[in-house]
Amino acid sequence: MEYIAGFIIAAAIGACVTRDANSRGMNGRFWGISTILVMIVALPIYLIVRKPRPEASSH
C-alpha cells in the first residue's frame, strides 16, 4: 500500500514539473518522467537549471 501512495505522490509531482517545464519552454516530458523515476535526483536538478518564465508582452 505504501508503494502505491508513493507512486501517486511521485506522479502528481511529475505532472506539476511537466506543466511548469512546458510553460518555461523546456522539455516537459523529459523532466516529468525523470522526476517520477528518480525524484530525489531529478527534482533538485530541475529546480536549479529551470529557465525563467517568459514575460507577457504588454503590447
N, C-alpha and C. Protein backbone atom coordinates (compact mmCIF):
# COMPACT_ATOMS: atom_id res chain seq x y z
N MET A 1 0.82 -1.21 0.00
CA MET A 1 0.00 0.00 0.00
C MET A 1 0.86 1.27 0.00
N GLU A 2 2.00 1.21 0.72
CA GLU A 2 2.87 2.38 0.78
C GLU A 2 3.46 2.69 -0.59
N TYR A 3 3.75 1.64 -1.37
CA TYR A 3 4.31 1.85 -2.70
C TYR A 3 3.33 2.56 -3.62
N ILE A 4 2.08 2.21 -3.50
CA ILE A 4 1.05 2.85 -4.33
C ILE A 4 0.93 4.33 -3.97
N ALA A 5 0.90 4.62 -2.69
CA ALA A 5 0.82 6.02 -2.26
C ALA A 5 2.05 6.80 -2.71
N GLY A 6 3.23 6.19 -2.62
CA GLY A 6 4.45 6.84 -3.07
C GLY A 6 4.44 7.12 -4.56
N PHE A 7 3.95 6.16 -5.34
CA PHE A 7 3.88 6.37 -6.79
C PHE A 7 2.87 7.46 -7.15
N ILE A 8 1.75 7.50 -6.44
CA ILE A 8 0.76 8.55 -6.71
C ILE A 8 1.34 9.93 -6.40
N ILE A 9 2.06 10.05 -5.32
CA ILE A 9 2.69 11.33 -4.97
C ILE A 9 3.73 11.70 -6.01
N ALA A 10 4.57 10.73 -6.42
CA ALA A 10 5.59 10.99 -7.43
C ALA A 10 4.96 11.39 -8.76
N ALA A 11 3.86 10.75 -9.13
CA ALA A 11 3.19 11.08 -10.39
C ALA A 11 2.59 12.48 -10.33
N ALA A 12 2.04 12.86 -9.19
CA ALA A 12 1.47 14.20 -9.06
C ALA A 12 2.56 15.27 -9.15
N ILE A 13 3.68 15.04 -8.50
CA ILE A 13 4.79 16.00 -8.58
C ILE A 13 5.36 16.02 -9.99
N GLY A 14 5.46 14.86 -10.62
CA GLY A 14 5.93 14.79 -12.01
C GLY A 14 5.02 15.56 -12.96
N ALA A 15 3.72 15.49 -12.73
CA ALA A 15 2.77 16.25 -13.57
C ALA A 15 2.96 17.75 -13.37
N CYS A 16 3.19 18.17 -12.14
CA CYS A 16 3.43 19.60 -11.87
C CYS A 16 4.72 20.07 -12.53
N VAL A 17 5.76 19.25 -12.46
CA VAL A 17 7.04 19.59 -13.09
C VAL A 17 6.87 19.65 -14.61
N THR A 18 6.13 18.70 -15.18
CA THR A 18 5.89 18.70 -16.62
C THR A 18 5.21 19.99 -17.06
N ARG A 19 4.17 20.38 -16.36
CA ARG A 19 3.43 21.60 -16.69
C ARG A 19 4.31 22.83 -16.56
N ASP A 20 5.10 22.89 -15.49
CA ASP A 20 5.98 24.03 -15.26
C ASP A 20 7.07 24.10 -16.33
N ALA A 21 7.68 22.96 -16.66
CA ALA A 21 8.73 22.95 -17.67
C ALA A 21 8.19 23.37 -19.03
N ASN A 22 7.00 22.90 -19.38
CA ASN A 22 6.40 23.31 -20.66
C ASN A 22 6.14 24.80 -20.70
N SER A 23 5.70 25.38 -19.59
CA SER A 23 5.41 26.82 -19.56
C SER A 23 6.69 27.65 -19.66
N ARG A 24 7.83 27.03 -19.34
CA ARG A 24 9.10 27.73 -19.41
C ARG A 24 9.86 27.43 -20.70
N GLY A 25 9.25 26.72 -21.63
CA GLY A 25 9.88 26.41 -22.91
C GLY A 25 10.91 25.31 -22.83
N MET A 26 10.80 24.45 -21.82
CA MET A 26 11.73 23.33 -21.66
C MET A 26 11.02 22.04 -22.05
N ASN A 27 11.76 20.94 -22.08
CA ASN A 27 11.21 19.65 -22.44
C ASN A 27 10.45 19.07 -21.24
N GLY A 28 9.17 19.32 -21.17
CA GLY A 28 8.36 18.90 -20.04
C GLY A 28 8.26 17.40 -19.88
N ARG A 29 8.16 16.68 -20.99
CA ARG A 29 8.04 15.22 -20.92
C ARG A 29 9.28 14.61 -20.26
N PHE A 30 10.46 15.07 -20.67
CA PHE A 30 11.70 14.56 -20.09
C PHE A 30 11.76 14.82 -18.59
N TRP A 31 11.50 16.07 -18.19
CA TRP A 31 11.60 16.42 -16.78
C TRP A 31 10.53 15.72 -15.94
N GLY A 32 9.33 15.57 -16.48
CA GLY A 32 8.28 14.88 -15.73
C GLY A 32 8.59 13.42 -15.50
N ILE A 33 9.02 12.73 -16.56
CA ILE A 33 9.36 11.30 -16.43
C ILE A 33 10.57 11.13 -15.52
N SER A 34 11.56 11.99 -15.68
CA SER A 34 12.74 11.90 -14.81
C SER A 34 12.36 12.09 -13.35
N THR A 35 11.47 13.02 -13.09
CA THR A 35 11.05 13.28 -11.72
C THR A 35 10.30 12.08 -11.14
N ILE A 36 9.46 11.45 -11.92
CA ILE A 36 8.74 10.28 -11.43
C ILE A 36 9.71 9.14 -11.12
N LEU A 37 10.68 8.92 -12.00
CA LEU A 37 11.57 7.77 -11.84
C LEU A 37 12.62 7.97 -10.76
N VAL A 38 13.26 9.12 -10.72
CA VAL A 38 14.33 9.36 -9.74
C VAL A 38 14.16 10.73 -9.12
N MET A 39 13.10 10.89 -8.38
CA MET A 39 12.72 12.20 -7.85
C MET A 39 13.81 12.82 -6.99
N ILE A 40 14.49 12.04 -6.18
CA ILE A 40 15.46 12.59 -5.24
C ILE A 40 16.64 13.26 -5.97
N VAL A 41 16.87 12.89 -7.23
CA VAL A 41 17.95 13.49 -8.01
C VAL A 41 17.39 14.51 -9.00
N ALA A 42 16.35 14.14 -9.74
CA ALA A 42 15.86 14.97 -10.84
C ALA A 42 15.18 16.26 -10.37
N LEU A 43 14.44 16.22 -9.30
CA LEU A 43 13.72 17.42 -8.85
C LEU A 43 14.68 18.54 -8.43
N PRO A 44 15.69 18.27 -7.61
CA PRO A 44 16.62 19.36 -7.29
C PRO A 44 17.36 19.89 -8.52
N ILE A 45 17.75 18.99 -9.43
CA ILE A 45 18.43 19.45 -10.65
C ILE A 45 17.51 20.34 -11.46
N TYR A 46 16.25 19.94 -11.61
CA TYR A 46 15.30 20.76 -12.36
C TYR A 46 15.14 22.14 -11.72
N LEU A 47 15.02 22.18 -10.42
CA LEU A 47 14.84 23.46 -9.74
C LEU A 47 16.05 24.38 -9.90
N ILE A 48 17.23 23.80 -10.09
CA ILE A 48 18.43 24.61 -10.30
C ILE A 48 18.54 25.10 -11.74
N VAL A 49 18.26 24.24 -12.72
CA VAL A 49 18.52 24.59 -14.11
C VAL A 49 17.32 25.17 -14.86
N ARG A 50 16.17 25.25 -14.23
CA ARG A 50 15.00 25.71 -14.97
C ARG A 50 15.15 27.15 -15.43
N LYS A 51 14.56 27.42 -16.58
CA LYS A 51 14.63 28.74 -17.18
C LYS A 51 13.60 29.65 -16.53
N PRO A 52 13.83 30.97 -16.59
CA PRO A 52 12.80 31.88 -16.07
C PRO A 52 11.57 31.85 -16.97
N ARG A 53 10.44 32.17 -16.39
CA ARG A 53 9.21 32.21 -17.19
C ARG A 53 9.27 33.36 -18.19
N PRO A 54 8.76 33.12 -19.39
CA PRO A 54 8.73 34.22 -20.36
C PRO A 54 7.78 35.31 -19.89
N GLU A 55 8.20 36.54 -20.07
CA GLU A 55 7.38 37.69 -19.67
C GLU A 55 6.24 37.87 -20.66
N ALA A 56 5.09 38.22 -20.14
CA ALA A 56 3.93 38.52 -21.00
C ALA A 56 4.16 39.86 -21.67
N SER A 57 3.88 39.91 -22.96
CA SER A 57 4.10 41.18 -23.68
C SER A 57 3.03 42.18 -23.28
N SER A 58 3.42 43.42 -23.15
CA SER A 58 2.49 44.48 -22.72
C SER A 58 1.99 45.30 -23.90
N HIS A 59 2.03 44.74 -25.10
CA HIS A 59 1.60 45.47 -26.30
C HIS A 59 0.13 45.41 -26.46
